[in-house]
Amino acid sequence: MSIEMTYEAAIIELNRLKSQERMDVDRARLTAAIDKLTEAGRFRIKRKPVPEPEFCYGNGCCPNCRVYFIDKSTHYCGNCGQALDWSD
């Protein structure tokens, strides 16, 4: 039986395991896995683009790396991979 969970739930569970005193896993590898999952999961969570200043052209910029977008058809930043939420 497999357990399905979101990135956020996986991060919480791995952090819970990491805090336990007795484990049969290499703590350095576990820590590295948690760090990588946290980094990857952060980009999967959709974030609203930042509105552009009045002097710029376009619809907004990436909330992570500040790359500007001309239209709202893209769902991910092509520069850093951040998921974008264009809903009002």
N, C-alpha and C. Protein backbone atom coordinates (compact mmCIF):
# COMPACT_ATOMS: atom_id res chain seq x y z
N MET A 1 0.85 -1.18 0.00
CA MET A 1 0.00 0.00 0.00
C MET A 1 0.89 1.24 0.00
N SER A 2 0.66 2.13 -0.95
CA SER A 2 1.45 3.36 -1.02
C SER A 2 0.67 4.51 -0.38
N ILE A 3 1.43 5.44 0.14
CA ILE A 3 0.84 6.62 0.76
C ILE A 3 1.04 7.79 -0.18
N GLU A 4 -0.04 8.44 -0.54
CA GLU A 4 0.04 9.62 -1.40
C GLU A 4 0.01 10.87 -0.52
N MET A 5 0.88 11.82 -0.83
CA MET A 5 0.89 13.06 -0.08
C MET A 5 1.38 14.19 -0.95
N THR A 6 1.07 15.39 -0.55
CA THR A 6 1.52 16.58 -1.26
C THR A 6 2.98 16.86 -0.90
N TYR A 7 3.59 17.77 -1.65
CA TYR A 7 4.96 18.18 -1.31
C TYR A 7 5.00 18.72 0.12
N GLU A 8 3.99 19.53 0.46
CA GLU A 8 3.97 20.14 1.78
C GLU A 8 3.88 19.08 2.88
N ALA A 9 3.03 18.07 2.68
CA ALA A 9 2.89 17.00 3.67
C ALA A 9 4.18 16.18 3.77
N ALA A 10 4.85 15.96 2.63
CA ALA A 10 6.11 15.22 2.64
C ALA A 10 7.17 15.96 3.43
N ILE A 11 7.23 17.26 3.26
CA ILE A 11 8.20 18.07 3.99
C ILE A 11 7.93 17.99 5.49
N ILE A 12 6.67 18.10 5.87
CA ILE A 12 6.31 18.02 7.30
C ILE A 12 6.70 16.66 7.87
N GLU A 13 6.39 15.60 7.14
CA GLU A 13 6.69 14.25 7.61
C GLU A 13 8.19 14.02 7.72
N LEU A 14 8.95 14.44 6.72
CA LEU A 14 10.40 14.26 6.77
C LEU A 14 11.03 15.07 7.90
N ASN A 15 10.53 16.26 8.13
CA ASN A 15 11.04 17.05 9.26
C ASN A 15 10.70 16.40 10.59
N ARG A 16 9.55 15.75 10.67
CA ARG A 16 9.17 15.03 11.89
C ARG A 16 10.13 13.88 12.13
N LEU A 17 10.42 13.12 11.08
CA LEU A 17 11.36 12.00 11.19
C LEU A 17 12.76 12.47 11.55
N LYS A 18 13.15 13.58 10.98
CA LYS A 18 14.48 14.13 11.22
C LYS A 18 14.68 14.47 12.70
N SER A 19 13.62 14.88 13.37
CA SER A 19 13.73 15.30 14.77
C SER A 19 13.76 14.13 15.75
N GLN A 20 13.46 12.94 15.30
CA GLN A 20 13.47 11.78 16.19
C GLN A 20 14.91 11.41 16.57
N GLU A 21 15.08 10.96 17.79
CA GLU A 21 16.40 10.61 18.31
C GLU A 21 16.97 9.36 17.64
N ARG A 22 16.19 8.31 17.53
CA ARG A 22 16.69 7.04 17.02
C ARG A 22 16.13 6.77 15.63
N MET A 23 17.04 6.68 14.67
CA MET A 23 16.65 6.38 13.29
C MET A 23 17.67 5.45 12.66
N ASP A 24 17.22 4.63 11.74
CA ASP A 24 18.10 3.70 11.04
C ASP A 24 18.54 4.25 9.70
N VAL A 25 18.53 5.56 9.53
CA VAL A 25 18.95 6.17 8.27
C VAL A 25 20.10 7.12 8.51
N ASP A 26 20.83 7.40 7.47
CA ASP A 26 21.92 8.35 7.53
C ASP A 26 21.33 9.76 7.63
N ARG A 27 21.56 10.43 8.75
CA ARG A 27 20.94 11.74 8.99
C ARG A 27 21.42 12.78 7.97
N ALA A 28 22.65 12.70 7.51
CA ALA A 28 23.14 13.66 6.52
C ALA A 28 22.39 13.51 5.20
N ARG A 29 22.16 12.25 4.80
CA ARG A 29 21.40 12.03 3.56
C ARG A 29 19.95 12.46 3.72
N LEU A 30 19.38 12.20 4.89
CA LEU A 30 18.00 12.61 5.15
C LEU A 30 17.88 14.13 5.11
N THR A 31 18.83 14.82 5.72
CA THR A 31 18.83 16.28 5.71
C THR A 31 18.96 16.82 4.29
N ALA A 32 19.84 16.22 3.51
CA ALA A 32 20.01 16.65 2.11
C ALA A 32 18.72 16.44 1.32
N ALA A 33 18.05 15.31 1.55
CA ALA A 33 16.79 15.02 0.85
C ALA A 33 15.72 16.03 1.23
N ILE A 34 15.64 16.35 2.52
CA ILE A 34 14.65 17.33 2.98
C ILE A 34 14.92 18.69 2.35
N ASP A 35 16.18 19.09 2.34
CA ASP A 35 16.54 20.38 1.75
C ASP A 35 16.18 20.44 0.28
N LYS A 36 16.46 19.38 -0.46
CA LYS A 36 16.16 19.35 -1.90
C LYS A 36 14.66 19.35 -2.14
N LEU A 37 13.92 18.56 -1.36
CA LEU A 37 12.47 18.52 -1.50
C LEU A 37 11.85 19.87 -1.16
N THR A 38 12.37 20.51 -0.14
CA THR A 38 11.88 21.84 0.23
C THR A 38 12.11 22.83 -0.89
N GLU A 39 13.29 22.80 -1.48
CA GLU A 39 13.62 23.69 -2.59
C GLU A 39 12.71 23.43 -3.78
N ALA A 40 12.53 22.15 -4.14
CA ALA A 40 11.69 21.81 -5.29
C ALA A 40 10.23 22.13 -5.03
N GLY A 41 9.76 21.82 -3.83
CA GLY A 41 8.36 22.05 -3.49
C GLY A 41 7.99 23.52 -3.47
N ARG A 42 8.93 24.36 -3.10
CA ARG A 42 8.68 25.80 -3.04
C ARG A 42 8.27 26.35 -4.40
N PHE A 43 8.84 25.83 -5.46
CA PHE A 43 8.52 26.32 -6.80
C PHE A 43 7.20 25.76 -7.32
N ARG A 44 6.73 24.64 -6.77
CA ARG A 44 5.49 24.03 -7.22
C ARG A 44 4.25 24.75 -6.67
N ILE A 45 4.42 25.48 -5.59
CA ILE A 45 3.32 26.21 -5.00
C ILE A 45 3.09 27.47 -5.84
N LYS A 46 1.89 27.58 -6.41
CA LYS A 46 1.60 28.72 -7.27
C LYS A 46 1.61 30.01 -6.46
N ARG A 47 2.27 31.01 -7.02
CA ARG A 47 2.33 32.33 -6.40
C ARG A 47 1.86 33.37 -7.40
N LYS A 48 1.25 34.41 -6.90
CA LYS A 48 0.78 35.50 -7.75
C LYS A 48 1.98 36.30 -8.27
N PRO A 49 1.97 36.62 -9.56
CA PRO A 49 3.02 37.51 -10.10
C PRO A 49 2.94 38.88 -9.43
N VAL A 50 4.07 39.51 -9.34
CA VAL A 50 4.15 40.85 -8.74
C VAL A 50 3.75 41.86 -9.81
N PRO A 51 2.84 42.79 -9.48
CA PRO A 51 2.45 43.81 -10.47
C PRO A 51 3.67 44.63 -10.87
N GLU A 52 3.72 44.98 -12.15
CA GLU A 52 4.84 45.80 -12.64
C GLU A 52 4.65 47.25 -12.26
N PRO A 53 5.73 47.96 -12.10
CA PRO A 53 5.62 49.42 -11.90
C PRO A 53 5.02 50.07 -13.14
N GLU A 54 4.46 51.23 -13.00
CA GLU A 54 3.78 51.92 -14.10
C GLU A 54 4.69 52.19 -15.29
N PHE A 55 5.98 52.34 -15.06
CA PHE A 55 6.89 52.69 -16.15
C PHE A 55 7.34 51.49 -16.98
N CYS A 56 6.89 50.28 -16.63
CA CYS A 56 7.27 49.07 -17.38
C CYS A 56 6.09 48.56 -18.19
N TYR A 57 6.40 47.79 -19.23
CA TYR A 57 5.36 47.20 -20.06
C TYR A 57 5.24 45.72 -19.73
N GLY A 58 4.03 45.19 -19.77
CA GLY A 58 3.80 43.78 -19.49
C GLY A 58 2.71 43.60 -18.46
N ASN A 59 2.57 42.35 -17.99
CA ASN A 59 1.49 42.03 -17.05
C ASN A 59 1.95 41.79 -15.63
N GLY A 60 3.23 41.60 -15.41
CA GLY A 60 3.72 41.34 -14.07
C GLY A 60 5.08 40.67 -14.13
N CYS A 61 5.63 40.39 -12.97
CA CYS A 61 6.92 39.72 -12.95
C CYS A 61 6.91 38.59 -11.93
N CYS A 62 7.83 37.67 -12.08
CA CYS A 62 7.94 36.49 -11.24
C CYS A 62 8.19 36.94 -9.79
N PRO A 63 7.44 36.37 -8.83
CA PRO A 63 7.65 36.75 -7.44
C PRO A 63 8.96 36.20 -6.87
N ASN A 64 9.58 35.29 -7.58
CA ASN A 64 10.82 34.68 -7.11
C ASN A 64 12.07 35.36 -7.69
N CYS A 65 12.13 35.48 -9.02
CA CYS A 65 13.35 36.00 -9.66
C CYS A 65 13.15 37.36 -10.35
N ARG A 66 11.91 37.85 -10.37
CA ARG A 66 11.58 39.18 -10.92
C ARG A 66 11.72 39.30 -12.44
N VAL A 67 11.61 38.21 -13.17
CA VAL A 67 11.58 38.25 -14.63
C VAL A 67 10.20 38.75 -15.05
N TYR A 68 10.14 39.65 -16.05
CA TYR A 68 8.89 40.23 -16.51
C TYR A 68 8.18 39.34 -17.53
N PHE A 69 6.83 39.35 -17.48
CA PHE A 69 6.01 38.58 -18.40
C PHE A 69 5.18 39.53 -19.25
N ILE A 70 5.16 39.26 -20.56
CA ILE A 70 4.39 40.08 -21.49
C ILE A 70 2.92 39.64 -21.48
N ASP A 71 2.66 38.33 -21.43
CA ASP A 71 1.28 37.87 -21.42
C ASP A 71 1.05 36.92 -20.25
N LYS A 72 -0.20 36.56 -20.06
CA LYS A 72 -0.58 35.72 -18.93
C LYS A 72 -0.76 34.25 -19.31
N SER A 73 -0.26 33.84 -20.47
CA SER A 73 -0.48 32.47 -20.93
C SER A 73 0.49 31.46 -20.30
N THR A 74 1.57 31.92 -19.72
CA THR A 74 2.54 31.00 -19.13
C THR A 74 2.14 30.65 -17.70
N HIS A 75 2.34 29.40 -17.33
CA HIS A 75 1.97 28.94 -15.99
C HIS A 75 3.19 28.75 -15.10
N TYR A 76 4.37 28.84 -15.70
CA TYR A 76 5.62 28.71 -14.96
C TYR A 76 6.61 29.75 -15.46
N CYS A 77 7.46 30.24 -14.59
CA CYS A 77 8.51 31.16 -15.00
C CYS A 77 9.55 30.37 -15.79
N GLY A 78 9.89 30.85 -16.98
CA GLY A 78 10.90 30.19 -17.80
C GLY A 78 12.30 30.36 -17.27
N ASN A 79 12.49 31.30 -16.37
CA ASN A 79 13.81 31.55 -15.81
C ASN A 79 14.11 30.67 -14.60
N CYS A 80 13.19 30.61 -13.62
CA CYS A 80 13.47 29.87 -12.38
C CYS A 80 12.54 28.69 -12.13
N GLY A 81 11.43 28.58 -12.90
CA GLY A 81 10.51 27.45 -12.73
C GLY A 81 9.39 27.69 -11.74
N GLN A 82 9.29 28.88 -11.18
CA GLN A 82 8.23 29.18 -10.22
C GLN A 82 6.86 29.03 -10.87
N ALA A 83 5.94 28.30 -10.22
CA ALA A 83 4.56 28.18 -10.71
C ALA A 83 3.86 29.52 -10.48
N LEU A 84 3.07 29.93 -11.48
CA LEU A 84 2.41 31.23 -11.42
C LEU A 84 0.90 31.10 -11.36
N ASP A 85 0.26 31.95 -10.59
CA ASP A 85 -1.19 31.98 -10.44
C ASP A 85 -1.68 33.32 -10.95
N TRP A 86 -2.28 33.34 -12.15
CA TRP A 86 -2.75 34.58 -12.76
C TRP A 86 -4.20 34.90 -12.40
N SER A 87 -4.84 34.09 -11.58
CA SER A 87 -6.25 34.36 -11.26
C SER A 87 -6.39 35.65 -10.47
N ASP A 88 -7.56 36.27 -10.60
CA ASP A 88 -7.79 37.56 -9.91
C ASP A 88 -8.14 37.38 -8.48
